[in-house]
C-alpha atoms as a PDB file:
ATOM      1  CA  UNK A   1       0.000   0.000   0.000  1.00  0.00           C
ATOM      2  CA  UNK A   2       1.100   3.527  -0.745  1.00  0.00           C
ATOM      3  CA  UNK A   3      -0.112   6.876   0.514  1.00  0.00           C
ATOM      4  CA  UNK A   4      -2.359   8.777  -1.854  1.00  0.00           C
ATOM      5  CA  UNK A   5      -2.875   5.905  -4.311  1.00  0.00           C
ATOM      6  CA  UNK A   6      -6.207   4.122  -4.331  1.00  0.00           C
ATOM      7  CA  UNK A   7      -5.997   0.485  -3.299  1.00  0.00           C
ATOM      8  CA  UNK A   8      -7.821  -0.512  -6.511  1.00  0.00           C
ATOM      9  CA  UNK A   9      -4.794   0.643  -8.510  1.00  0.00           C
ATOM     10  CA  UNK A  10      -2.851  -2.610  -8.718  1.00  0.00           C
ATOM     11  CA  UNK A  11       0.952  -2.618  -8.981  1.00  0.00           C
ATOM     12  CA  UNK A  12       0.604  -3.731 -12.600  1.00  0.00           C
ATOM     13  CA  UNK A  13      -1.793  -0.880 -13.422  1.00  0.00           C
ATOM     14  CA  UNK A  14       0.435   1.665 -11.675  1.00  0.00           C
ATOM     15  CA  UNK A  15       3.392   0.445 -13.741  1.00  0.00           C
ATOM     16  CA  UNK A  16       1.378   0.814 -16.972  1.00  0.00           C
ATOM     17  CA  UNK A  17       0.243   4.338 -16.062  1.00  0.00           C
ATOM     18  CA  UNK A  18       3.861   5.298 -15.347  1.00  0.00           C
ATOM     19  CA  UNK A  19       5.117   3.789 -18.613  1.00  0.00           C
ATOM     20  CA  UNK A  20       2.535   5.557 -20.773  1.00  0.00           C
ATOM     21  CA  UNK A  21       3.617   8.723 -22.524  1.00  0.00           C
ATOM     22  CA  UNK A  22       1.795  11.729 -23.934  1.00  0.00           C
ATOM     23  CA  UNK A  23      -0.786  10.581 -26.465  1.00  0.00           C
ATOM     24  CA  UNK A  24      -0.771   6.933 -25.384  1.00  0.00           C
ATOM     25  CA  UNK A  25      -4.218   5.465 -24.832  1.00  0.00           C
ATOM     26  CA  UNK A  26      -5.649   3.279 -22.087  1.00  0.00           C
ATOM     27  CA  UNK A  27      -8.865   1.332 -22.683  1.00  0.00           C
ATOM     28  CA  UNK A  28     -11.146   0.573 -19.752  1.00  0.00           C
ATOM     29  CA  UNK A  29     -13.282  -2.299 -20.983  1.00  0.00           C
ATOM     30  CA  UNK A  30     -16.533  -3.399 -19.394  1.00  0.00           C
ATOM     31  CA  UNK A  31     -17.258  -7.010 -18.504  1.00  0.00           C
ATOM     32  CA  UNK A  32     -18.465  -7.791 -22.044  1.00  0.00           C
ATOM     33  CA  UNK A  33     -15.481  -6.219 -23.819  1.00  0.00           C
ATOM     34  CA  UNK A  34     -13.155  -8.682 -25.637  1.00  0.00           C
ATOM     35  CA  UNK A  35     -10.156  -7.397 -23.683  1.00  0.00           C
ATOM     36  CA  UNK A  36      -7.922 -10.468 -23.933  1.00  0.00           C
ATOM     37  CA  UNK A  37      -8.347 -10.786 -27.678  1.00  0.00           C
ATOM     38  CA  UNK A  38      -7.566  -7.136 -28.504  1.00  0.00           C
ATOM     39  CA  UNK A  39      -4.994  -6.129 -25.869  1.00  0.00           C
ATOM     40  CA  UNK A  40      -1.292  -5.659 -26.517  1.00  0.00           C
ATOM     41  CA  UNK A  41      -0.958  -5.378 -22.739  1.00  0.00           C
ATOM     42  CA  UNK A  42      -3.806  -6.686 -20.579  1.00  0.00           C
ATOM     43  CA  UNK A  43      -4.442  -5.703 -16.972  1.00  0.00           C
ATOM     44  CA  UNK A  44      -7.251  -7.434 -15.052  1.00  0.00           C
ATOM     45  CA  UNK A  45      -9.438  -5.548 -12.596  1.00  0.00           C
ATOM     46  CA  UNK A  46     -12.188  -8.121 -12.146  1.00  0.00           C
ATOM     47  CA  UNK A  47     -14.690  -7.180  -9.478  1.00  0.00           C
ATOM     48  CA  UNK A  48     -14.162  -3.444  -9.970  1.00  0.00           C
ATOM     49  CA  UNK A  49     -16.596  -1.205 -11.817  1.00  0.00           C
ATOM     50  CA  UNK A  50     -15.824   1.336 -14.497  1.00  0.00           C
ATOM     51  CA  UNK A  51     -16.651   4.444 -12.437  1.00  0.00           C
ATOM     52  CA  UNK A  52     -14.453   3.499  -9.481  1.00  0.00           C
ATOM     53  CA  UNK A  53     -11.553   2.604 -11.786  1.00  0.00           C
ATOM     54  CA  UNK A  54     -11.972   5.798 -13.805  1.00  0.00           C
ATOM     55  CA  UNK A  55     -11.969   7.888 -10.627  1.00  0.00           C
ATOM     56  CA  UNK A  56      -8.831   6.205  -9.255  1.00  0.00           C
ATOM     57  CA  UNK A  57      -7.007   6.442 -12.596  1.00  0.00           C
ATOM     58  CA  UNK A  58      -7.831  10.102 -13.177  1.00  0.00           C
ATOM     59  CA  UNK A  59      -6.422  10.951  -9.750  1.00  0.00           C
ATOM     60  CA  UNK A  60      -3.062   9.988 -11.305  1.00  0.00           C
ATOM     61  CA  UNK A  61      -3.384  10.323 -15.081  1.00  0.00           C
ATOM     62  CA  UNK A  62      -3.713  13.701 -16.816  1.00  0.00           C
ATOM     63  CA  UNK A  63      -5.908  13.801 -19.921  1.00  0.00           C
ATOM     64  CA  UNK A  64      -4.515  15.179 -23.175  1.00  0.00           C
ATOM     65  CA  UNK A  65      -5.370  18.875 -23.533  1.00  0.00           C
ATOM     66  CA  UNK A  66      -3.952  19.075 -27.067  1.00  0.00           C
ATOM     67  CA  UNK A  67      -6.869  17.153 -28.566  1.00  0.00           C
ATOM     68  CA  UNK A  68     -10.518  18.189 -28.639  1.00  0.00           C
ATOM     69  CA  UNK A  69     -11.838  14.948 -27.123  1.00  0.00           C
ATOM     70  CA  UNK A  70      -9.360  12.984 -24.975  1.00  0.00           C
ATOM     71  CA  UNK A  71     -11.995  10.454 -23.853  1.00  0.00           C
ATOM     72  CA  UNK A  72     -13.801   8.150 -26.273  1.00  0.00           C
ATOM     73  CA  UNK A  73     -16.823   5.942 -25.700  1.00  0.00           C
ATOM     74  CA  UNK A  74     -18.093   3.025 -27.746  1.00  0.00           C
ATOM     75  CA  UNK A  75     -21.164   4.351 -29.548  1.00  0.00           C
ATOM     76  CA  UNK A  76     -24.462   2.524 -29.197  1.00  0.00           C
ATOM     77  CA  UNK A  77     -24.978   0.165 -32.131  1.00  0.00           C
ATOM     78  CA  UNK A  78     -27.662   1.565 -34.485  1.00  0.00           C
ATOM     79  CA  UNK A  79     -31.014   0.000 -33.690  1.00  0.00           C
ATOM     80  CA  UNK A  80     -30.049  -0.895 -30.108  1.00  0.00           C
ATOM     81  CA  UNK A  81     -32.493   0.875 -27.738  1.00  0.00           C
ATOM     82  CA  UNK A  82     -29.944   0.995 -24.893  1.00  0.00           C
ATOM     83  CA  UNK A  83     -29.503   4.413 -23.292  1.00  0.00           C
ATOM     84  CA  UNK A  84     -26.215   4.135 -21.361  1.00  0.00           C
ATOM     85  CA  UNK A  85     -26.824   5.916 -18.049  1.00  0.00           C
ATOM     86  CA  UNK A  86     -23.225   5.218 -17.000  1.00  0.00           C
ATOM     87  CA  UNK A  87     -22.018   7.848 -19.483  1.00  0.00           C
ATOM     88  CA  UNK A  88     -23.361  10.652 -17.279  1.00  0.00           C
ATOM     89  CA  UNK A  89     -21.583   9.154 -14.274  1.00  0.00           C
ATOM     90  CA  UNK A  90     -18.348   9.025 -16.291  1.00  0.00           C
ATOM     91  CA  UNK A  91     -18.865  12.672 -17.310  1.00  0.00           C
ATOM     92  CA  UNK A  92     -19.237  13.767 -13.665  1.00  0.00           C
ATOM     93  CA  UNK A  93     -16.093  11.888 -12.628  1.00  0.00           C
ATOM     94  CA  UNK A  94     -14.035  13.308 -15.484  1.00  0.00           C
ATOM     95  CA  UNK A  95     -15.181  16.880 -14.818  1.00  0.00           C
ATOM     96  CA  UNK A  96     -14.267  16.512 -11.156  1.00  0.00           C
ATOM     97  CA  UNK A  97     -10.678  15.710 -12.186  1.00  0.00           C
ATOM     98  CA  UNK A  98     -10.549  17.757 -15.410  1.00  0.00           C
ATOM     99  CA  UNK A  99     -12.862  20.793 -15.055  1.00  0.00           C
ATOM    100  CA  UNK A 100     -12.247  21.855 -18.672  1.00  0.00           C
ATOM    101  CA  UNK A 101     -13.540  18.560 -20.091  1.00  0.00           C
ATOM    102  CA  UNK A 102     -16.091  19.241 -22.833  1.00  0.00           C
ATOM    103  CA  UNK A 103     -17.523  16.001 -24.156  1.00  0.00           C
ATOM    104  CA  UNK A 104     -16.847  12.461 -25.306  1.00  0.00           C
ATOM    105  CA  UNK A 105     -15.829  11.246 -28.721  1.00  0.00           C
ATOM    106  CA  UNK A 106     -18.244   8.518 -29.847  1.00  0.00           C
ATOM    107  CA  UNK A 107     -16.584   5.684 -31.764  1.00  0.00           C
ATOM    108  CA  UNK A 108     -18.446   3.040 -33.770  1.00  0.00           C
ATOM    109  CA  UNK A 109     -18.141  -0.453 -32.253  1.00  0.00           C
ATOM    110  CA  UNK A 110     -15.697  -2.052 -34.712  1.00  0.00           C
ATOM    111  CA  UNK A 111     -13.633   1.136 -35.002  1.00  0.00           C
ATOM    112  CA  UNK A 112     -13.455   1.105 -31.193  1.00  0.00           C
ATOM    113  CA  UNK A 113     -12.079  -2.458 -31.297  1.00  0.00           C
ATOM    114  CA  UNK A 114      -9.433  -1.400 -33.821  1.00  0.00           C
ATOM    115  CA  UNK A 115      -8.429   1.572 -31.703  1.00  0.00           C
ATOM    116  CA  UNK A 116      -8.249  -0.718 -28.661  1.00  0.00           C
ATOM    117  CA  UNK A 117      -5.839  -2.997 -30.562  1.00  0.00           C
ATOM    118  CA  UNK A 118      -3.517   0.000 -31.009  1.00  0.00           C
ATOM    119  CA  UNK A 119      -3.878   1.226 -27.398  1.00  0.00           C
ATOM    120  CA  UNK A 120      -0.967   1.056 -25.012  1.00  0.00           C
ATOM    121  CA  UNK A 121      -2.981  -1.180 -22.681  1.00  0.00           C
ATOM    122  CA  UNK A 122      -6.444  -2.544 -21.991  1.00  0.00           C
ATOM    123  CA  UNK A 123      -7.841  -2.691 -18.468  1.00  0.00           C
ATOM    124  CA  UNK A 124     -10.505  -5.393 -18.151  1.00  0.00           C
ATOM    125  CA  UNK A 125     -13.027  -4.351 -15.508  1.00  0.00           C
ATOM    126  CA  UNK A 126     -15.971  -6.180 -14.024  1.00  0.00           C
ATOM    127  CA  UNK A 127     -18.386  -3.413 -15.038  1.00  0.00           C
ATOM    128  CA  UNK A 128     -21.822  -4.875 -15.878  1.00  0.00           C
ATOM    129  CA  UNK A 129     -23.362  -1.791 -17.531  1.00  0.00           C
ATOM    130  CA  UNK A 130     -23.703  -1.956 -21.302  1.00  0.00           C
ATOM    131  CA  UNK A 131     -21.598   0.428 -23.419  1.00  0.00           C
ATOM    132  CA  UNK A 132     -19.372   1.195 -20.441  1.00  0.00           C
ATOM    133  CA  UNK A 133     -16.137   0.988 -22.487  1.00  0.00           C
ATOM    134  CA  UNK A 134     -13.945   4.050 -22.720  1.00  0.00           C
ATOM    135  CA  UNK A 135     -10.552   5.134 -24.011  1.00  0.00           C
ATOM    136  CA  UNK A 136      -8.414   7.688 -22.168  1.00  0.00           C
ATOM    137  CA  UNK A 137      -5.682   9.622 -23.978  1.00  0.00           C
ATOM    138  CA  UNK A 138      -2.826  10.537 -21.642  1.00  0.00           C
ATOM    139  CA  UNK A 139      -1.723  14.142 -21.451  1.00  0.00           C
ATOM    140  CA  UNK A 140       1.201  15.927 -19.844  1.00  0.00           C
ATOM    141  CA  UNK A 141       1.769  17.280 -16.359  1.00  0.00           C
ATOM    142  CA  UNK A 142       2.303  21.024 -16.312  1.00  0.00           C
ATOM    143  CA  UNK A 143       4.629  22.373 -13.638  1.00  0.00           C
END
């Protein structure tokens, strides 16, 4: 255990966050996301939900301010009536850490999978909500 670092941030996840550079992307996949089949680097966080992981990660990881939308969500598949309520929870968490956050980029399902294949790492969560997948683009720390 370390001071100031959430206990849900595993040593492996902390290492990944430290290794990532400006512009690298981290995918937080929900429980239905094919994390193992798309990940270059896979970190497991079974039993933890997307919101709690997002909150703990954003306490450490700055979002990229050089792009218009540093957070991407998997768009709802056309014809699917799902209205992802978790997106509003994600928005509140992000704005708490990054007050200048405007809005999400929505990425079509298969394009999201392709982007996940190119991401620095994929974090497999136990989140049960549908369309709870997101991609975070790492920024820089300003001194």
